[in-house]
Amino acid sequence: MNYIMELNSFYARLLTQPLTSDAQALWGVLMHLCNRAGWPPHFTVASSTLLGMLGYSYSALSRARTELVEAGLIMHIPRPGRLAPYYVLHSLCGKPVDKPVDKPFLTLVSKTCQP
């Protein structure tokens, strides 16, 4: 994954498929942690780590995570006991970005990520 291209694609996607601010912040933290880990196919991070970084309650974290899963941006794979769950980030690069219909003065540079 390319960090900058993923960020640009994420924010372009928000123009037509908005997310709550909690979900946006969670996606940003997960992207940061995945980048720091060297872009593994999946990674683990404890909920307590995410709660500390985001300052959310557990219920807010759960709602934001569910929103990202339902939007197709991440996979959340719980593990038994007190083991940290697996997260998988889905790349947004290469996926078309619809032009926003409610922002007539905004034009996108390109419809997909370009290397």
C-alpha atoms as a PDB file:
ATOM      1  CA  MET A   1       0.000   0.000   0.000  1.00  0.00           C
ATOM      2  CA  ASN A   2       1.023   3.565  -0.564  1.00  0.00           C
ATOM      3  CA  TYR A   3       0.137   5.682   2.468  1.00  0.00           C
ATOM      4  CA  ILE A   4      -0.402   8.984   0.636  1.00  0.00           C
ATOM      5  CA  MET A   5      -2.402   7.399  -2.183  1.00  0.00           C
ATOM      6  CA  GLU A   6      -4.631   5.609   0.326  1.00  0.00           C
ATOM      7  CA  LEU A   7      -5.228   8.855   2.251  1.00  0.00           C
ATOM      8  CA  ASN A   8      -6.093  10.722  -0.940  1.00  0.00           C
ATOM      9  CA  SER A   9      -8.456   7.954  -2.026  1.00  0.00           C
ATOM     10  CA  PHE A  10     -10.089   7.842   1.406  1.00  0.00           C
ATOM     11  CA  TYR A  11     -10.824  11.566   1.437  1.00  0.00           C
ATOM     12  CA  ALA A  12     -12.041  11.485  -2.175  1.00  0.00           C
ATOM     13  CA  ARG A  13     -14.396   8.656  -1.185  1.00  0.00           C
ATOM     14  CA  LEU A  14     -15.788  10.731   1.687  1.00  0.00           C
ATOM     15  CA  LEU A  15     -17.190  13.243  -0.798  1.00  0.00           C
ATOM     16  CA  THR A  16     -19.728  10.705  -2.028  1.00  0.00           C
ATOM     17  CA  GLN A  17     -19.814   8.178   0.828  1.00  0.00           C
ATOM     18  CA  PRO A  18     -19.520  10.088   4.107  1.00  0.00           C
ATOM     19  CA  LEU A  19     -18.543   8.532   7.426  1.00  0.00           C
ATOM     20  CA  THR A  20     -18.902   9.796  10.979  1.00  0.00           C
ATOM     21  CA  SER A  21     -15.948  11.638  12.440  1.00  0.00           C
ATOM     22  CA  ASP A  22     -15.360   8.731  14.855  1.00  0.00           C
ATOM     23  CA  ALA A  23     -15.100   6.266  11.960  1.00  0.00           C
ATOM     24  CA  GLN A  24     -12.790   8.613  10.050  1.00  0.00           C
ATOM     25  CA  ALA A  25     -10.468   8.958  13.038  1.00  0.00           C
ATOM     26  CA  LEU A  26     -10.433   5.200  13.650  1.00  0.00           C
ATOM     27  CA  TRP A  27      -9.587   4.534   9.993  1.00  0.00           C
ATOM     28  CA  GLY A  28      -6.722   7.039  10.232  1.00  0.00           C
ATOM     29  CA  VAL A  29      -5.293   5.373  13.358  1.00  0.00           C
ATOM     30  CA  LEU A  30      -5.585   1.899  11.842  1.00  0.00           C
ATOM     31  CA  MET A  31      -3.891   3.134   8.651  1.00  0.00           C
ATOM     32  CA  HIS A  32      -1.093   4.671  10.735  1.00  0.00           C
ATOM     33  CA  LEU A  33      -0.564   1.475  12.751  1.00  0.00           C
ATOM     34  CA  CYS A  34      -0.581  -0.688   9.626  1.00  0.00           C
ATOM     35  CA  ASN A  35       1.974   1.640   8.021  1.00  0.00           C
ATOM     36  CA  ARG A  36       4.182   1.491  11.135  1.00  0.00           C
ATOM     37  CA  ALA A  37       3.973  -2.323  11.044  1.00  0.00           C
ATOM     38  CA  GLY A  38       5.216  -2.408   7.428  1.00  0.00           C
ATOM     39  CA  TRP A  39       1.878  -3.104   5.672  1.00  0.00           C
ATOM     40  CA  PRO A  40       1.249  -6.684   6.792  1.00  0.00           C
ATOM     41  CA  PRO A  41      -1.812  -8.418   5.269  1.00  0.00           C
ATOM     42  CA  HIS A  42      -3.396  -8.355   8.742  1.00  0.00           C
ATOM     43  CA  PHE A  43      -2.309  -7.024  12.107  1.00  0.00           C
ATOM     44  CA  THR A  44      -3.471  -7.023  15.699  1.00  0.00           C
ATOM     45  CA  VAL A  45      -4.102  -4.058  17.918  1.00  0.00           C
ATOM     46  CA  ALA A  46      -5.676  -4.125  21.348  1.00  0.00           C
ATOM     47  CA  SER A  47      -8.868  -2.176  21.902  1.00  0.00           C
ATOM     48  CA  SER A  48      -7.169  -0.505  24.873  1.00  0.00           C
ATOM     49  CA  THR A  49      -4.514   0.856  22.502  1.00  0.00           C
ATOM     50  CA  LEU A  50      -7.156   2.263  20.163  1.00  0.00           C
ATOM     51  CA  LEU A  51      -9.124   3.678  23.100  1.00  0.00           C
ATOM     52  CA  GLY A  52      -5.984   5.405  24.381  1.00  0.00           C
ATOM     53  CA  MET A  53      -5.121   6.870  20.997  1.00  0.00           C
ATOM     54  CA  LEU A  54      -8.642   8.028  20.174  1.00  0.00           C
ATOM     55  CA  GLY A  55     -10.064   8.890  23.595  1.00  0.00           C
ATOM     56  CA  TYR A  56     -13.304   7.052  22.829  1.00  0.00           C
ATOM     57  CA  SER A  57     -15.523   4.970  25.058  1.00  0.00           C
ATOM     58  CA  TYR A  58     -15.629   1.287  24.170  1.00  0.00           C
ATOM     59  CA  SER A  59     -19.145   1.688  22.743  1.00  0.00           C
ATOM     60  CA  ALA A  60     -18.011   4.564  20.485  1.00  0.00           C
ATOM     61  CA  LEU A  61     -15.073   2.453  19.294  1.00  0.00           C
ATOM     62  CA  SER A  62     -17.405  -0.446  18.575  1.00  0.00           C
ATOM     63  CA  ARG A  63     -19.818   1.770  16.595  1.00  0.00           C
ATOM     64  CA  ALA A  64     -16.986   3.312  14.550  1.00  0.00           C
ATOM     65  CA  ARG A  65     -15.470  -0.103  13.847  1.00  0.00           C
ATOM     66  CA  THR A  66     -18.850  -1.481  12.744  1.00  0.00           C
ATOM     67  CA  GLU A  67     -19.313   1.503  10.437  1.00  0.00           C
ATOM     68  CA  LEU A  68     -15.935   0.860   8.781  1.00  0.00           C
ATOM     69  CA  VAL A  69     -16.702  -2.844   8.392  1.00  0.00           C
ATOM     70  CA  GLU A  70     -20.114  -2.110   6.844  1.00  0.00           C
ATOM     71  CA  ALA A  71     -18.508   0.431   4.484  1.00  0.00           C
ATOM     72  CA  GLY A  72     -16.101  -2.276   3.298  1.00  0.00           C
ATOM     73  CA  LEU A  73     -13.008  -0.396   4.446  1.00  0.00           C
ATOM     74  CA  ILE A  74     -11.746  -2.893   7.037  1.00  0.00           C
ATOM     75  CA  MET A  75     -12.209  -6.416   8.300  1.00  0.00           C
ATOM     76  CA  HIS A  76     -12.360  -6.975  12.045  1.00  0.00           C
ATOM     77  CA  ILE A  77     -11.660 -10.551  13.124  1.00  0.00           C
ATOM     78  CA  PRO A  78     -12.223 -11.177  16.833  1.00  0.00           C
ATOM     79  CA  ARG A  79     -10.071 -13.771  18.585  1.00  0.00           C
ATOM     80  CA  PRO A  80     -10.892 -15.918  21.601  1.00  0.00           C
ATOM     81  CA  GLY A  81     -10.364 -14.809  25.163  1.00  0.00           C
ATOM     82  CA  ARG A  82      -8.440 -11.631  25.722  1.00  0.00           C
ATOM     83  CA  LEU A  83      -6.424 -11.823  22.508  1.00  0.00           C
ATOM     84  CA  ALA A  84      -6.358  -8.647  20.416  1.00  0.00           C
ATOM     85  CA  PRO A  85      -8.442  -8.874  17.247  1.00  0.00           C
ATOM     86  CA  TYR A  86      -7.028  -8.994  13.742  1.00  0.00           C
ATOM     87  CA  TYR A  87      -7.614  -6.041  11.442  1.00  0.00           C
ATOM     88  CA  VAL A  88      -7.351  -6.057   7.668  1.00  0.00           C
ATOM     89  CA  LEU A  89      -7.354  -2.767   5.777  1.00  0.00           C
ATOM     90  CA  HIS A  90      -8.855  -2.829   2.304  1.00  0.00           C
ATOM     91  CA  SER A  91      -6.979  -0.741  -0.252  1.00  0.00           C
ATOM     92  CA  LEU A  92      -8.958   2.047  -1.861  1.00  0.00           C
ATOM     93  CA  CYS A  93      -6.487   2.547  -4.691  1.00  0.00           C
ATOM     94  CA  GLY A  94      -7.624   1.386  -8.080  1.00  0.00           C
ATOM     95  CA  LYS A  95     -11.293   1.763  -7.146  1.00  0.00           C
ATOM     96  CA  PRO A  96     -13.229   4.392  -9.069  1.00  0.00           C
ATOM     97  CA  VAL A  97     -14.285   7.495  -7.221  1.00  0.00           C
ATOM     98  CA  ASP A  98     -17.677   8.903  -8.175  1.00  0.00           C
ATOM     99  CA  LYS A  99     -17.833  12.607  -8.796  1.00  0.00           C
ATOM    100  CA  PRO A 100     -19.788  14.267  -6.007  1.00  0.00           C
ATOM    101  CA  VAL A 101     -23.201  15.439  -7.072  1.00  0.00           C
ATOM    102  CA  ASP A 102     -23.693  17.966  -4.267  1.00  0.00           C
ATOM    103  CA  LYS A 103     -20.371  19.750  -4.745  1.00  0.00           C
ATOM    104  CA  PRO A 104     -20.606  21.330  -8.231  1.00  0.00           C
ATOM    105  CA  PHE A 105     -17.506  23.503  -7.852  1.00  0.00           C
ATOM    106  CA  LEU A 106     -15.220  20.688  -6.740  1.00  0.00           C
ATOM    107  CA  THR A 107     -13.408  18.657  -9.367  1.00  0.00           C
ATOM    108  CA  LEU A 108     -11.357  15.571  -8.699  1.00  0.00           C
ATOM    109  CA  VAL A 109      -7.919  15.284 -10.255  1.00  0.00           C
ATOM    110  CA  SER A 110      -8.386  11.664 -11.290  1.00  0.00           C
ATOM    111  CA  LYS A 111     -11.004   8.950 -10.880  1.00  0.00           C
ATOM    112  CA  THR A 112      -8.593   6.354  -9.467  1.00  0.00           C
ATOM    113  CA  CYS A 113      -5.280   6.211  -7.651  1.00  0.00           C
ATOM    114  CA  GLN A 114      -2.288   6.569  -9.886  1.00  0.00           C
ATOM    115  CA  PRO A 115       1.223   5.520  -8.773  1.00  0.00           C
END
